[in-house]
């Protein structure tokens, strides 16, 4: 299968965040100025998104698939951390 970029298509759940799925559909190599933004810097933020199915079967082999995310620190105190989990079919 040729290279195919898949952007999130639905925000399933978001806690302590303002924004919509269109704010996170950018290519991580060339993002725009829209982000999901934290409502409060004193609470954990979480987001679950779904992705569309690829148009074909992924090419089998090591180091042929890539999953990337772009995160940034907003104003405020503290040192934020990001945890990214990828599930196939919700598993």
N, C-alpha and C. Protein backbone atom coordinates (compact mmCIF):
# COMPACT_ATOMS: atom_id res chain seq x y z
N UNK A 1 0.85 -1.18 0.00
CA UNK A 1 0.00 0.00 0.00
C UNK A 1 0.89 1.24 0.00
N UNK A 2 0.55 2.21 -0.75
CA UNK A 2 1.31 3.46 -0.80
C UNK A 2 1.14 4.24 0.51
N UNK A 3 1.96 5.26 0.70
CA UNK A 3 1.83 6.10 1.89
C UNK A 3 0.44 6.71 1.95
N UNK A 4 -0.13 6.68 3.13
CA UNK A 4 -1.47 7.24 3.31
C UNK A 4 -1.53 7.88 4.69
N UNK A 5 -1.81 9.17 4.73
CA UNK A 5 -1.93 9.88 6.00
C UNK A 5 -3.38 9.81 6.46
N UNK A 6 -3.59 9.41 7.71
CA UNK A 6 -4.92 9.35 8.29
C UNK A 6 -5.01 10.33 9.45
N UNK A 7 -5.87 11.31 9.34
CA UNK A 7 -6.11 12.28 10.41
C UNK A 7 -7.31 11.82 11.24
N UNK A 8 -7.38 12.23 12.50
CA UNK A 8 -8.54 11.88 13.32
C UNK A 8 -9.84 12.33 12.64
N UNK A 9 -10.88 11.51 12.76
CA UNK A 9 -12.16 11.89 12.16
C UNK A 9 -13.25 12.19 13.19
N UNK A 10 -13.06 11.75 14.44
CA UNK A 10 -14.06 12.00 15.49
C UNK A 10 -13.34 12.16 16.82
N UNK A 11 -13.78 13.14 17.62
CA UNK A 11 -13.35 13.22 19.02
C UNK A 11 -14.37 12.42 19.82
N UNK A 12 -13.95 11.29 20.34
CA UNK A 12 -14.84 10.41 21.10
C UNK A 12 -15.09 10.97 22.49
N UNK A 13 -14.04 11.51 23.09
CA UNK A 13 -14.13 12.01 24.46
C UNK A 13 -13.06 13.06 24.66
N UNK A 14 -13.38 14.11 25.38
CA UNK A 14 -12.37 15.09 25.76
C UNK A 14 -12.72 15.66 27.12
N UNK A 15 -11.73 15.71 27.99
CA UNK A 15 -11.89 16.24 29.34
C UNK A 15 -10.93 17.41 29.52
N UNK A 16 -11.45 18.51 30.07
CA UNK A 16 -10.66 19.71 30.34
C UNK A 16 -10.04 20.27 29.06
N UNK A 17 -10.73 20.15 27.95
CA UNK A 17 -10.23 20.67 26.67
C UNK A 17 -11.34 21.38 25.91
N UNK A 18 -10.99 22.48 25.26
CA UNK A 18 -11.88 23.18 24.34
C UNK A 18 -11.40 22.92 22.92
N UNK A 19 -12.33 22.76 22.00
CA UNK A 19 -11.97 22.61 20.59
C UNK A 19 -12.75 21.49 19.94
N UNK A 20 -12.48 21.31 18.65
CA UNK A 20 -13.18 20.28 17.88
C UNK A 20 -12.17 19.44 17.11
N UNK A 21 -12.65 18.39 16.47
CA UNK A 21 -11.75 17.48 15.75
C UNK A 21 -10.97 18.21 14.65
N UNK A 22 -11.54 19.26 14.07
CA UNK A 22 -10.81 19.98 13.02
C UNK A 22 -9.55 20.65 13.56
N UNK A 23 -9.49 20.88 14.87
CA UNK A 23 -8.30 21.49 15.48
C UNK A 23 -7.12 20.53 15.56
N UNK A 24 -7.37 19.23 15.38
CA UNK A 24 -6.28 18.25 15.51
C UNK A 24 -6.08 17.42 14.25
N UNK A 25 -6.59 17.90 13.12
CA UNK A 25 -6.46 17.14 11.88
C UNK A 25 -5.26 17.55 11.04
N UNK A 26 -4.39 18.39 11.54
CA UNK A 26 -3.24 18.88 10.78
C UNK A 26 -2.16 17.83 10.62
N UNK A 27 -1.36 18.00 9.61
CA UNK A 27 -0.13 17.22 9.45
C UNK A 27 0.83 17.69 10.54
N UNK A 28 1.39 16.80 11.37
CA UNK A 28 2.32 17.24 12.42
C UNK A 28 3.54 17.98 11.88
N UNK A 29 3.88 17.78 10.61
CA UNK A 29 5.02 18.50 10.03
C UNK A 29 4.68 19.92 9.61
N UNK A 30 3.40 20.24 9.48
CA UNK A 30 3.01 21.60 9.09
C UNK A 30 1.68 21.97 9.76
N UNK A 31 1.68 22.12 11.09
CA UNK A 31 0.44 22.42 11.81
C UNK A 31 0.00 23.87 11.59
N UNK A 32 -1.30 24.11 11.77
CA UNK A 32 -1.78 25.48 11.76
C UNK A 32 -1.78 26.00 13.20
N UNK A 33 -2.50 27.06 13.47
CA UNK A 33 -2.48 27.65 14.81
C UNK A 33 -3.63 27.18 15.68
N UNK A 34 -4.42 26.23 15.21
CA UNK A 34 -5.55 25.71 15.99
C UNK A 34 -5.12 24.48 16.78
N UNK A 35 -5.56 24.43 18.05
CA UNK A 35 -5.22 23.33 18.96
C UNK A 35 -6.43 23.04 19.82
N UNK A 36 -6.45 21.87 20.44
CA UNK A 36 -7.33 21.68 21.59
C UNK A 36 -6.64 22.40 22.73
N UNK A 37 -7.34 23.23 23.46
CA UNK A 37 -6.71 24.00 24.53
C UNK A 37 -7.29 23.61 25.88
N UNK A 38 -6.42 23.58 26.88
CA UNK A 38 -6.83 23.22 28.24
C UNK A 38 -7.73 24.30 28.83
N UNK A 39 -8.78 23.88 29.50
CA UNK A 39 -9.67 24.81 30.18
C UNK A 39 -9.01 25.31 31.45
N UNK A 40 -8.30 24.43 32.16
CA UNK A 40 -7.61 24.78 33.39
C UNK A 40 -6.24 24.12 33.41
N UNK A 41 -5.24 24.85 33.89
CA UNK A 41 -3.91 24.23 34.01
C UNK A 41 -3.76 23.48 35.32
N UNK A 42 -4.81 23.44 36.13
CA UNK A 42 -4.76 22.74 37.42
C UNK A 42 -5.52 21.42 37.38
N UNK A 43 -5.82 20.92 36.19
CA UNK A 43 -6.55 19.66 36.06
C UNK A 43 -5.97 18.87 34.89
N UNK A 44 -6.07 17.56 34.97
CA UNK A 44 -5.61 16.71 33.87
C UNK A 44 -6.49 16.90 32.65
N UNK A 45 -5.89 16.86 31.49
CA UNK A 45 -6.62 16.92 30.23
C UNK A 45 -6.51 15.56 29.54
N UNK A 46 -7.56 15.16 28.86
CA UNK A 46 -7.54 13.88 28.15
C UNK A 46 -8.37 14.01 26.88
N UNK A 47 -7.95 13.27 25.86
CA UNK A 47 -8.65 13.27 24.59
C UNK A 47 -8.59 11.88 23.98
N UNK A 48 -9.73 11.38 23.49
CA UNK A 48 -9.76 10.13 22.73
C UNK A 48 -10.33 10.45 21.37
N UNK A 49 -9.63 10.01 20.32
CA UNK A 49 -10.07 10.27 18.95
C UNK A 49 -10.08 8.97 18.16
N UNK A 50 -10.92 8.92 17.14
CA UNK A 50 -10.91 7.76 16.24
C UNK A 50 -10.32 8.18 14.90
N UNK A 51 -9.90 7.19 14.14
CA UNK A 51 -9.29 7.42 12.83
C UNK A 51 -10.02 6.56 11.80
N UNK A 52 -10.13 7.02 10.56
CA UNK A 52 -10.78 6.21 9.53
C UNK A 52 -9.92 5.00 9.18
N UNK A 53 -10.56 3.99 8.60
CA UNK A 53 -9.83 2.81 8.15
C UNK A 53 -9.01 3.16 6.91
N UNK A 54 -7.82 2.60 6.77
CA UNK A 54 -7.05 2.84 5.56
C UNK A 54 -7.77 2.27 4.33
N UNK A 55 -7.43 2.77 3.16
CA UNK A 55 -8.10 2.32 1.94
C UNK A 55 -7.64 0.94 1.51
N UNK A 56 -6.53 0.47 2.05
CA UNK A 56 -6.02 -0.86 1.73
C UNK A 56 -5.32 -1.45 2.93
N UNK A 57 -4.84 -2.67 2.81
CA UNK A 57 -4.10 -3.30 3.90
C UNK A 57 -2.71 -2.68 4.01
N UNK A 58 -2.27 -2.36 5.23
CA UNK A 58 -0.92 -1.83 5.40
C UNK A 58 0.13 -2.84 4.92
N UNK A 59 1.23 -2.32 4.41
CA UNK A 59 2.34 -3.17 3.97
C UNK A 59 2.95 -3.83 5.20
N UNK A 60 3.16 -5.12 5.15
CA UNK A 60 3.69 -5.88 6.27
C UNK A 60 5.21 -5.72 6.31
N UNK A 61 5.75 -5.55 7.53
CA UNK A 61 7.19 -5.46 7.70
C UNK A 61 7.55 -4.51 8.83
N UNK A 62 8.77 -4.62 9.29
CA UNK A 62 9.25 -3.79 10.40
C UNK A 62 9.47 -2.35 9.93
N UNK A 63 9.14 -1.41 10.80
CA UNK A 63 9.38 0.02 10.58
C UNK A 63 8.69 0.58 9.34
N UNK A 64 7.54 0.02 8.97
CA UNK A 64 6.82 0.51 7.79
C UNK A 64 5.59 1.34 8.16
N UNK A 65 5.19 1.30 9.43
CA UNK A 65 4.04 2.07 9.89
C UNK A 65 4.54 3.14 10.86
N UNK A 66 3.86 4.27 10.88
CA UNK A 66 4.29 5.37 11.75
C UNK A 66 3.05 6.02 12.36
N UNK A 67 3.12 6.32 13.64
CA UNK A 67 2.06 7.02 14.34
C UNK A 67 2.70 8.23 15.00
N UNK A 68 2.22 9.43 14.68
CA UNK A 68 2.82 10.64 15.23
C UNK A 68 1.76 11.54 15.84
N UNK A 69 2.17 12.28 16.86
CA UNK A 69 1.29 13.26 17.50
C UNK A 69 2.11 14.50 17.82
N UNK A 70 1.44 15.63 17.85
CA UNK A 70 2.09 16.89 18.17
C UNK A 70 1.41 17.45 19.41
N UNK A 71 2.18 17.70 20.46
CA UNK A 71 1.65 18.27 21.70
C UNK A 71 2.47 19.50 22.05
N UNK A 72 1.88 20.39 22.82
CA UNK A 72 2.61 21.58 23.26
C UNK A 72 2.16 21.99 24.65
N UNK A 73 3.01 22.74 25.31
CA UNK A 73 2.71 23.25 26.64
C UNK A 73 2.00 24.59 26.49
N UNK A 74 0.93 24.76 27.24
CA UNK A 74 0.23 26.04 27.31
C UNK A 74 0.84 26.86 28.44
N UNK A 75 0.43 28.09 28.57
CA UNK A 75 0.91 28.93 29.65
C UNK A 75 0.50 28.36 31.00
N UNK A 76 1.19 28.77 32.03
CA UNK A 76 0.88 28.28 33.37
C UNK A 76 2.08 27.62 33.99
N UNK A 77 1.87 27.07 35.14
CA UNK A 77 2.97 26.45 35.87
C UNK A 77 2.97 24.95 35.66
N UNK A 78 4.02 24.32 36.12
CA UNK A 78 4.10 22.87 36.06
C UNK A 78 4.83 22.36 34.84
N UNK A 79 5.08 21.08 34.86
CA UNK A 79 5.75 20.40 33.75
C UNK A 79 4.80 19.34 33.22
N UNK A 80 4.14 19.61 32.11
CA UNK A 80 3.17 18.64 31.60
C UNK A 80 3.85 17.41 31.00
N UNK A 81 3.12 16.32 30.98
CA UNK A 81 3.58 15.11 30.30
C UNK A 81 2.48 14.67 29.34
N UNK A 82 2.85 13.92 28.34
CA UNK A 82 1.88 13.39 27.38
C UNK A 82 2.02 11.88 27.33
N UNK A 83 0.89 11.20 27.29
CA UNK A 83 0.87 9.75 27.13
C UNK A 83 -0.01 9.45 25.92
N UNK A 84 0.54 8.72 24.97
CA UNK A 84 -0.18 8.41 23.75
C UNK A 84 -0.34 6.90 23.65
N UNK A 85 -1.56 6.45 23.46
CA UNK A 85 -1.84 5.02 23.34
C UNK A 85 -2.57 4.78 22.02
N UNK A 86 -2.20 3.73 21.33
CA UNK A 86 -2.83 3.37 20.07
C UNK A 86 -3.51 2.02 20.21
N UNK A 87 -4.80 1.96 19.92
CA UNK A 87 -5.56 0.72 19.98
C UNK A 87 -6.12 0.42 18.59
N UNK A 88 -6.12 -0.85 18.22
CA UNK A 88 -6.74 -1.27 16.97
C UNK A 88 -8.10 -1.86 17.29
N UNK A 89 -9.14 -1.33 16.68
CA UNK A 89 -10.52 -1.77 16.94
C UNK A 89 -10.88 -1.64 18.42
N UNK A 90 -10.36 -0.60 19.09
CA UNK A 90 -10.69 -0.36 20.48
C UNK A 90 -10.02 -1.27 21.48
N UNK A 91 -9.09 -2.11 21.03
CA UNK A 91 -8.44 -3.07 21.92
C UNK A 91 -7.01 -2.65 22.20
